[in-house]
Amino acid sequence: MESAPAIFAGTVFALFGAALLLWTGVRVAHRSPVAEGVNPVASATLAAVAGAGALALAAWCFTRL
């Protein structure tokens, strides 16, 4: 019963991180801006770091089961 919050949080982080990395990769592949009015390299890098961080948090949540 106490593992339910860890499972929920890990699933949310995993879905968000994977979706953000996928979306960023598609935008970069099509040479579209990741964020309007921002340096393309900086915005793609920040989005990739945020996606990887979310996946790392998901992995951490799943190790707490």
PDB file of N, CA and C in Angstrom:
ATOM      1  N   MET A   1       0.812  -1.181   0.000  1.00  0.00           N
ATOM      2  CA  MET A   1       0.000   0.000   0.000  1.00  0.00           C
ATOM      3  C   MET A   1       0.865   1.258   0.000  1.00  0.00           C
ATOM      4  N   GLU A   2       1.995   1.229   0.692  1.00  0.00           N
ATOM      5  CA  GLU A   2       2.848   2.408   0.756  1.00  0.00           C
ATOM      6  C   GLU A   2       3.644   2.621  -0.519  1.00  0.00           C
ATOM      7  N   SER A   3       3.677   1.637  -1.399  1.00  0.00           N
ATOM      8  CA  SER A   3       4.429   1.795  -2.635  1.00  0.00           C
ATOM      9  C   SER A   3       3.609   2.456  -3.734  1.00  0.00           C
ATOM     10  N   ALA A   4       2.319   2.632  -3.521  1.00  0.00           N
ATOM     11  CA  ALA A   4       1.466   3.231  -4.551  1.00  0.00           C
ATOM     12  C   ALA A   4       1.884   4.653  -4.927  1.00  0.00           C
ATOM     13  N   PRO A   5       2.222   5.532  -3.957  1.00  0.00           N
ATOM     14  CA  PRO A   5       2.676   6.865  -4.349  1.00  0.00           C
ATOM     15  C   PRO A   5       3.978   6.845  -5.158  1.00  0.00           C
ATOM     16  N   ALA A   6       4.877   5.938  -4.820  1.00  0.00           N
ATOM     17  CA  ALA A   6       6.134   5.842  -5.563  1.00  0.00           C
ATOM     18  C   ALA A   6       5.888   5.350  -6.984  1.00  0.00           C
ATOM     19  N   ILE A   7       4.969   4.415  -7.141  1.00  0.00           N
ATOM     20  CA  ILE A   7       4.632   3.920  -8.472  1.00  0.00           C
ATOM     21  C   ILE A   7       3.987   5.022  -9.301  1.00  0.00           C
ATOM     22  N   PHE A   8       3.045   5.757  -8.684  1.00  0.00           N
ATOM     23  CA  PHE A   8       2.372   6.842  -9.394  1.00  0.00           C
ATOM     24  C   PHE A   8       3.362   7.927  -9.799  1.00  0.00           C
ATOM     25  N   ALA A   9       4.183   8.386  -8.864  1.00  0.00           N
ATOM     26  CA  ALA A   9       5.144   9.447  -9.162  1.00  0.00           C
ATOM     27  C   ALA A   9       6.161   8.983 -10.206  1.00  0.00           C
ATOM     28  N   GLY A  10       6.641   7.764 -10.086  1.00  0.00           N
ATOM     29  CA  GLY A  10       7.593   7.247 -11.057  1.00  0.00           C
ATOM     30  C   GLY A  10       7.001   7.160 -12.451  1.00  0.00           C
ATOM     31  N   THR A  11       5.744   6.753 -12.534  1.00  0.00           N
ATOM     32  CA  THR A  11       5.078   6.666 -13.832  1.00  0.00           C
ATOM     33  C   THR A  11       4.889   8.044 -14.446  1.00  0.00           C
ATOM     34  N   VAL A  12       4.488   9.008 -13.635  1.00  0.00           N
ATOM     35  CA  VAL A  12       4.306  10.374 -14.138  1.00  0.00           C
ATOM     36  C   VAL A  12       5.627  10.949 -14.623  1.00  0.00           C
ATOM     37  N   PHE A  13       6.680  10.803 -13.828  1.00  0.00           N
ATOM     38  CA  PHE A  13       7.995  11.304 -14.240  1.00  0.00           C
ATOM     39  C   PHE A  13       8.479  10.608 -15.510  1.00  0.00           C
ATOM     40  N   ALA A  14       8.274   9.300 -15.606  1.00  0.00           N
ATOM     41  CA  ALA A  14       8.733   8.559 -16.777  1.00  0.00           C
ATOM     42  C   ALA A  14       7.986   8.996 -18.036  1.00  0.00           C
ATOM     43  N   LEU A  15       6.675   9.145 -17.930  1.00  0.00           N
ATOM     44  CA  LEU A  15       5.901   9.580 -19.098  1.00  0.00           C
ATOM     45  C   LEU A  15       6.268  10.996 -19.515  1.00  0.00           C
ATOM     46  N   PHE A  16       6.407  11.900 -18.550  1.00  0.00           N
ATOM     47  CA  PHE A  16       6.765  13.274 -18.868  1.00  0.00           C
ATOM     48  C   PHE A  16       8.159  13.349 -19.487  1.00  0.00           C
ATOM     49  N   GLY A  17       9.125  12.667 -18.892  1.00  0.00           N
ATOM     50  CA  GLY A  17      10.497  12.703 -19.402  1.00  0.00           C
ATOM     51  C   GLY A  17      10.608  12.119 -20.798  1.00  0.00           C
ATOM     52  N   ALA A  18       9.951  10.993 -21.024  1.00  0.00           N
ATOM     53  CA  ALA A  18       9.998  10.367 -22.343  1.00  0.00           C
ATOM     54  C   ALA A  18       9.308  11.241 -23.390  1.00  0.00           C
ATOM     55  N   ALA A  19       8.165  11.814 -23.036  1.00  0.00           N
ATOM     56  CA  ALA A  19       7.448  12.679 -23.982  1.00  0.00           C
ATOM     57  C   ALA A  19       8.255  13.933 -24.294  1.00  0.00           C
ATOM     58  N   LEU A  20       8.877  14.517 -23.277  1.00  0.00           N
ATOM     59  CA  LEU A  20       9.679  15.726 -23.509  1.00  0.00           C
ATOM     60  C   LEU A  20      10.886  15.429 -24.387  1.00  0.00           C
ATOM     61  N   LEU A  21      11.556  14.318 -24.148  1.00  0.00           N
ATOM     62  CA  LEU A  21      12.702  13.957 -24.986  1.00  0.00           C
ATOM     63  C   LEU A  21      12.271  13.643 -26.416  1.00  0.00           C
ATOM     64  N   LEU A  22      11.155  12.953 -26.572  1.00  0.00           N
ATOM     65  CA  LEU A  22      10.652  12.638 -27.901  1.00  0.00           C
ATOM     66  C   LEU A  22      10.273  13.917 -28.649  1.00  0.00           C
ATOM     67  N   TRP A  23       9.532  14.800 -27.982  1.00  0.00           N
ATOM     68  CA  TRP A  23       9.103  16.053 -28.604  1.00  0.00           C
ATOM     69  C   TRP A  23      10.308  16.916 -28.988  1.00  0.00           C
ATOM     70  N   THR A  24      11.284  17.002 -28.102  1.00  0.00           N
ATOM     71  CA  THR A  24      12.487  17.786 -28.387  1.00  0.00           C
ATOM     72  C   THR A  24      13.248  17.184 -29.560  1.00  0.00           C
ATOM     73  N   GLY A  25      13.368  15.874 -29.589  1.00  0.00           N
ATOM     74  CA  GLY A  25      14.067  15.222 -30.695  1.00  0.00           C
ATOM     75  C   GLY A  25      13.392  15.449 -32.030  1.00  0.00           C
ATOM     76  N   VAL A  26      12.074  15.391 -32.054  1.00  0.00           N
ATOM     77  CA  VAL A  26      11.342  15.631 -33.302  1.00  0.00           C
ATOM     78  C   VAL A  26      11.519  17.072 -33.747  1.00  0.00           C
ATOM     79  N   ARG A  27      11.433  18.014 -32.800  1.00  0.00           N
ATOM     80  CA  ARG A  27      11.596  19.434 -33.157  1.00  0.00           C
ATOM     81  C   ARG A  27      13.000  19.704 -33.695  1.00  0.00           C
ATOM     82  N   VAL A  28      13.999  19.121 -33.083  1.00  0.00           N
ATOM     83  CA  VAL A  28      15.381  19.320 -33.535  1.00  0.00           C
ATOM     84  C   VAL A  28      15.590  18.658 -34.899  1.00  0.00           C
ATOM     85  N   ALA A  29      15.018  17.477 -35.103  1.00  0.00           N
ATOM     86  CA  ALA A  29      15.173  16.773 -36.372  1.00  0.00           C
ATOM     87  C   ALA A  29      14.542  17.553 -37.532  1.00  0.00           C
ATOM     88  N   HIS A  30      13.448  18.236 -37.248  1.00  0.00           N
ATOM     89  CA  HIS A  30      12.791  19.037 -38.291  1.00  0.00           C
ATOM     90  C   HIS A  30      13.322  20.466 -38.366  1.00  0.00           C
ATOM     91  N   ARG A  31      14.339  20.754 -37.582  1.00  0.00           N
ATOM     92  CA  ARG A  31      14.942  22.084 -37.502  1.00  0.00           C
ATOM     93  C   ARG A  31      13.913  23.158 -37.156  1.00  0.00           C
ATOM     94  N   SER A  32      12.955  22.790 -36.315  1.00  0.00           N
ATOM     95  CA  SER A  32      11.954  23.719 -35.802  1.00  0.00           C
ATOM     96  C   SER A  32      12.426  24.233 -34.445  1.00  0.00           C
ATOM     97  N   PRO A  33      12.011  25.430 -34.059  1.00  0.00           N
ATOM     98  CA  PRO A  33      12.437  25.937 -32.750  1.00  0.00           C
ATOM     99  C   PRO A  33      11.789  25.157 -31.613  1.00  0.00           C
ATOM    100  N   VAL A  34      12.567  24.893 -30.593  1.00  0.00           N
ATOM    101  CA  VAL A  34      12.041  24.219 -29.416  1.00  0.00           C
ATOM    102  C   VAL A  34      11.276  25.228 -28.563  1.00  0.00           C
ATOM    103  N   ALA A  35      11.777  26.461 -28.502  1.00  0.00           N
ATOM    104  CA  ALA A  35      11.107  27.556 -27.800  1.00  0.00           C
ATOM    105  C   ALA A  35      11.239  28.810 -28.658  1.00  0.00           C
ATOM    106  N   GLU A  36      10.165  29.533 -28.800  1.00  0.00           N
ATOM    107  CA  GLU A  36      10.173  30.736 -29.629  1.00  0.00           C
ATOM    108  C   GLU A  36      10.988  31.841 -28.971  1.00  0.00           C
ATOM    109  N   GLY A  37      11.813  32.511 -29.769  1.00  0.00           N
ATOM    110  CA  GLY A  37      12.557  33.664 -29.297  1.00  0.00           C
ATOM    111  C   GLY A  37      13.752  33.351 -28.424  1.00  0.00           C
ATOM    112  N   VAL A  38      14.191  32.105 -28.421  1.00  0.00           N
ATOM    113  CA  VAL A  38      15.319  31.691 -27.588  1.00  0.00           C
ATOM    114  C   VAL A  38      16.349  31.043 -28.488  1.00  0.00           C
ATOM    115  N   ASN A  39      17.602  31.093 -28.085  1.00  0.00           N
ATOM    116  CA  ASN A  39      18.677  30.440 -28.819  1.00  0.00           C
ATOM    117  C   ASN A  39      18.310  28.963 -29.016  1.00  0.00           C
ATOM    118  N   PRO A  40      18.308  28.468 -30.267  1.00  0.00           N
ATOM    119  CA  PRO A  40      17.890  27.074 -30.523  1.00  0.00           C
ATOM    120  C   PRO A  40      18.733  26.032 -29.793  1.00  0.00           C
ATOM    121  N   VAL A  41      20.023  26.261 -29.716  1.00  0.00           N
ATOM    122  CA  VAL A  41      20.890  25.273 -29.042  1.00  0.00           C
ATOM    123  C   VAL A  41      20.612  25.263 -27.542  1.00  0.00           C
ATOM    124  N   ALA A  42      20.455  26.433 -26.962  1.00  0.00           N
ATOM    125  CA  ALA A  42      20.202  26.511 -25.521  1.00  0.00           C
ATOM    126  C   ALA A  42      18.853  25.901 -25.159  1.00  0.00           C
ATOM    127  N   SER A  43      17.834  26.184 -25.957  1.00  0.00           N
ATOM    128  CA  SER A  43      16.513  25.652 -25.630  1.00  0.00           C
ATOM    129  C   SER A  43      16.462  24.132 -25.802  1.00  0.00           C
ATOM    130  N   ALA A  44      17.103  23.618 -26.840  1.00  0.00           N
ATOM    131  CA  ALA A  44      17.130  22.165 -27.032  1.00  0.00           C
ATOM    132  C   ALA A  44      17.925  21.487 -25.919  1.00  0.00           C
ATOM    133  N   THR A  45      19.020  22.099 -25.513  1.00  0.00           N
ATOM    134  CA  THR A  45      19.831  21.533 -24.439  1.00  0.00           C
ATOM    135  C   THR A  45      19.064  21.533 -23.119  1.00  0.00           C
ATOM    136  N   LEU A  46      18.420  22.634 -22.805  1.00  0.00           N
ATOM    137  CA  LEU A  46      17.667  22.717 -21.550  1.00  0.00           C
ATOM    138  C   LEU A  46      16.502  21.727 -21.536  1.00  0.00           C
ATOM    139  N   ALA A  47      15.816  21.592 -22.658  1.00  0.00           N
ATOM    140  CA  ALA A  47      14.710  20.633 -22.725  1.00  0.00           C
ATOM    141  C   ALA A  47      15.219  19.202 -22.588  1.00  0.00           C
ATOM    142  N   ALA A  48      16.351  18.900 -23.197  1.00  0.00           N
ATOM    143  CA  ALA A  48      16.910  17.550 -23.092  1.00  0.00           C
ATOM    144  C   ALA A  48      17.366  17.255 -21.659  1.00  0.00           C
ATOM    145  N   VAL A  49      17.949  18.227 -21.005  1.00  0.00           N
ATOM    146  CA  VAL A  49      18.383  18.037 -19.618  1.00  0.00           C
ATOM    147  C   VAL A  49      17.171  17.842 -18.707  1.00  0.00           C
ATOM    148  N   ALA A  50      16.113  18.611 -18.937  1.00  0.00           N
ATOM    149  CA  ALA A  50      14.898  18.462 -18.134  1.00  0.00           C
ATOM    150  C   ALA A  50      14.260  17.085 -18.354  1.00  0.00           C
ATOM    151  N   GLY A  51      14.237  16.611 -19.599  1.00  0.00           N
ATOM    152  CA  GLY A  51      13.694  15.283 -19.884  1.00  0.00           C
ATOM    153  C   GLY A  51      14.517  14.183 -19.245  1.00  0.00           C
ATOM    154  N   ALA A  52      15.829  14.304 -19.341  1.00  0.00           N
ATOM    155  CA  ALA A  52      16.696  13.309 -18.716  1.00  0.00           C
ATOM    156  C   ALA A  52      16.577  13.349 -17.195  1.00  0.00           C
ATOM    157  N   GLY A  53      16.423  14.541 -16.643  1.00  0.00           N
ATOM    158  CA  GLY A  53      16.229  14.664 -15.201  1.00  0.00           C
ATOM    159  C   GLY A  53      14.937  14.012 -14.747  1.00  0.00           C
ATOM    160  N   ALA A  54      13.872  14.175 -15.525  1.00  0.00           N
ATOM    161  CA  ALA A  54      12.605  13.536 -15.188  1.00  0.00           C
ATOM    162  C   ALA A  54      12.732  12.013 -15.242  1.00  0.00           C
ATOM    163  N   LEU A  55      13.453  11.504 -16.231  1.00  0.00           N
ATOM    164  CA  LEU A  55      13.667  10.049 -16.300  1.00  0.00           C
ATOM    165  C   LEU A  55      14.517   9.556 -15.131  1.00  0.00           C
ATOM    166  N   ALA A  56      15.489  10.366 -14.712  1.00  0.00           N
ATOM    167  CA  ALA A  56      16.297   9.998 -13.552  1.00  0.00           C
ATOM    168  C   ALA A  56      15.450   9.978 -12.286  1.00  0.00           C
ATOM    169  N   LEU A  57      14.552  10.948 -12.145  1.00  0.00           N
ATOM    170  CA  LEU A  57      13.645  10.947 -10.996  1.00  0.00           C
ATOM    171  C   LEU A  57      12.714   9.732 -11.028  1.00  0.00           C
ATOM    172  N   ALA A  58      12.279   9.358 -12.208  1.00  0.00           N
ATOM    173  CA  ALA A  58      11.432   8.165 -12.334  1.00  0.00           C
ATOM    174  C   ALA A  58      12.194   6.929 -11.885  1.00  0.00           C
ATOM    175  N   ALA A  59      13.423   6.813 -12.314  1.00  0.00           N
ATOM    176  CA  ALA A  59      14.236   5.663 -11.906  1.00  0.00           C
ATOM    177  C   ALA A  59      14.437   5.659 -10.390  1.00  0.00           C
ATOM    178  N   TRP A  60      14.660   6.826  -9.810  1.00  0.00           N
ATOM    179  CA  TRP A  60      14.834   6.911  -8.371  1.00  0.00           C
ATOM    180  C   TRP A  60      13.553   6.492  -7.650  1.00  0.00           C
ATOM    181  N   CYS A  61      12.401   6.944  -8.153  1.00  0.00           N
ATOM    182  CA  CYS A  61      11.123   6.556  -7.533  1.00  0.00           C
ATOM    183  C   CYS A  61      10.920   5.044  -7.604  1.00  0.00           C
ATOM    184  N   PHE A  62      11.266   4.454  -8.728  1.00  0.00           N
ATOM    185  CA  PHE A  62      11.066   3.017  -8.874  1.00  0.00           C
ATOM    186  C   PHE A  62      12.039   2.194  -8.016  1.00  0.00           C
ATOM    187  N   THR A  63      13.167   2.778  -7.650  1.00  0.00           N
ATOM    188  CA  THR A  63      14.085   2.048  -6.752  1.00  0.00           C
ATOM    189  C   THR A  63      13.595   2.088  -5.317  1.00  0.00           C
ATOM    190  N   ARG A  64      12.652   2.957  -5.000  1.00  0.00           N
ATOM    191  CA  ARG A  64      12.123   3.075  -3.643  1.00  0.00           C
ATOM    192  C   ARG A  64      10.980   2.106  -3.352  1.00  0.00           C
ATOM    193  N   LEU A  65      10.691   1.219  -4.288  1.00  0.00           N
ATOM    194  CA  LEU A  65       9.574   0.287  -4.082  1.00  0.00           C
ATOM    195  C   LEU A  65       9.937  -0.749  -3.091  1.00  0.00           C
TER     196      LEU A  65
END
